[in-house]
Amino acid sequence: MQFDPHLTLLANEANPNLSEYMADAAPRARRTAGLVRGIGLGVVDTNGQLIKTLAEYRCRA
C-alpha cells in the first residue's frame, strides 16, 4: 500500500540548506484543505517509496 499523499517528517534532517529552502518556500505556500483518513508508518527505500508497512491507524468517521 502506498500512502497517498504522504507527508515526510524532517525531524532528523541535517541538511544546512533546509532552513534556507523553508524560508524561501513558506511565503509561497498556498492554502489547501483536505481530509485525513488515517496515519501510516513504514520503511521506505532511497527514493522514499514504501517497501514495508509497519503500522496503519485508520481514523473513525
Foldseek 3Di string as FASTA:
>chain_A
DWDPPDDDDCPPPDPPCPVVVCVVCVVVDDDDDDDAQWDWDADADPVRTGDGTDDIGGDDD
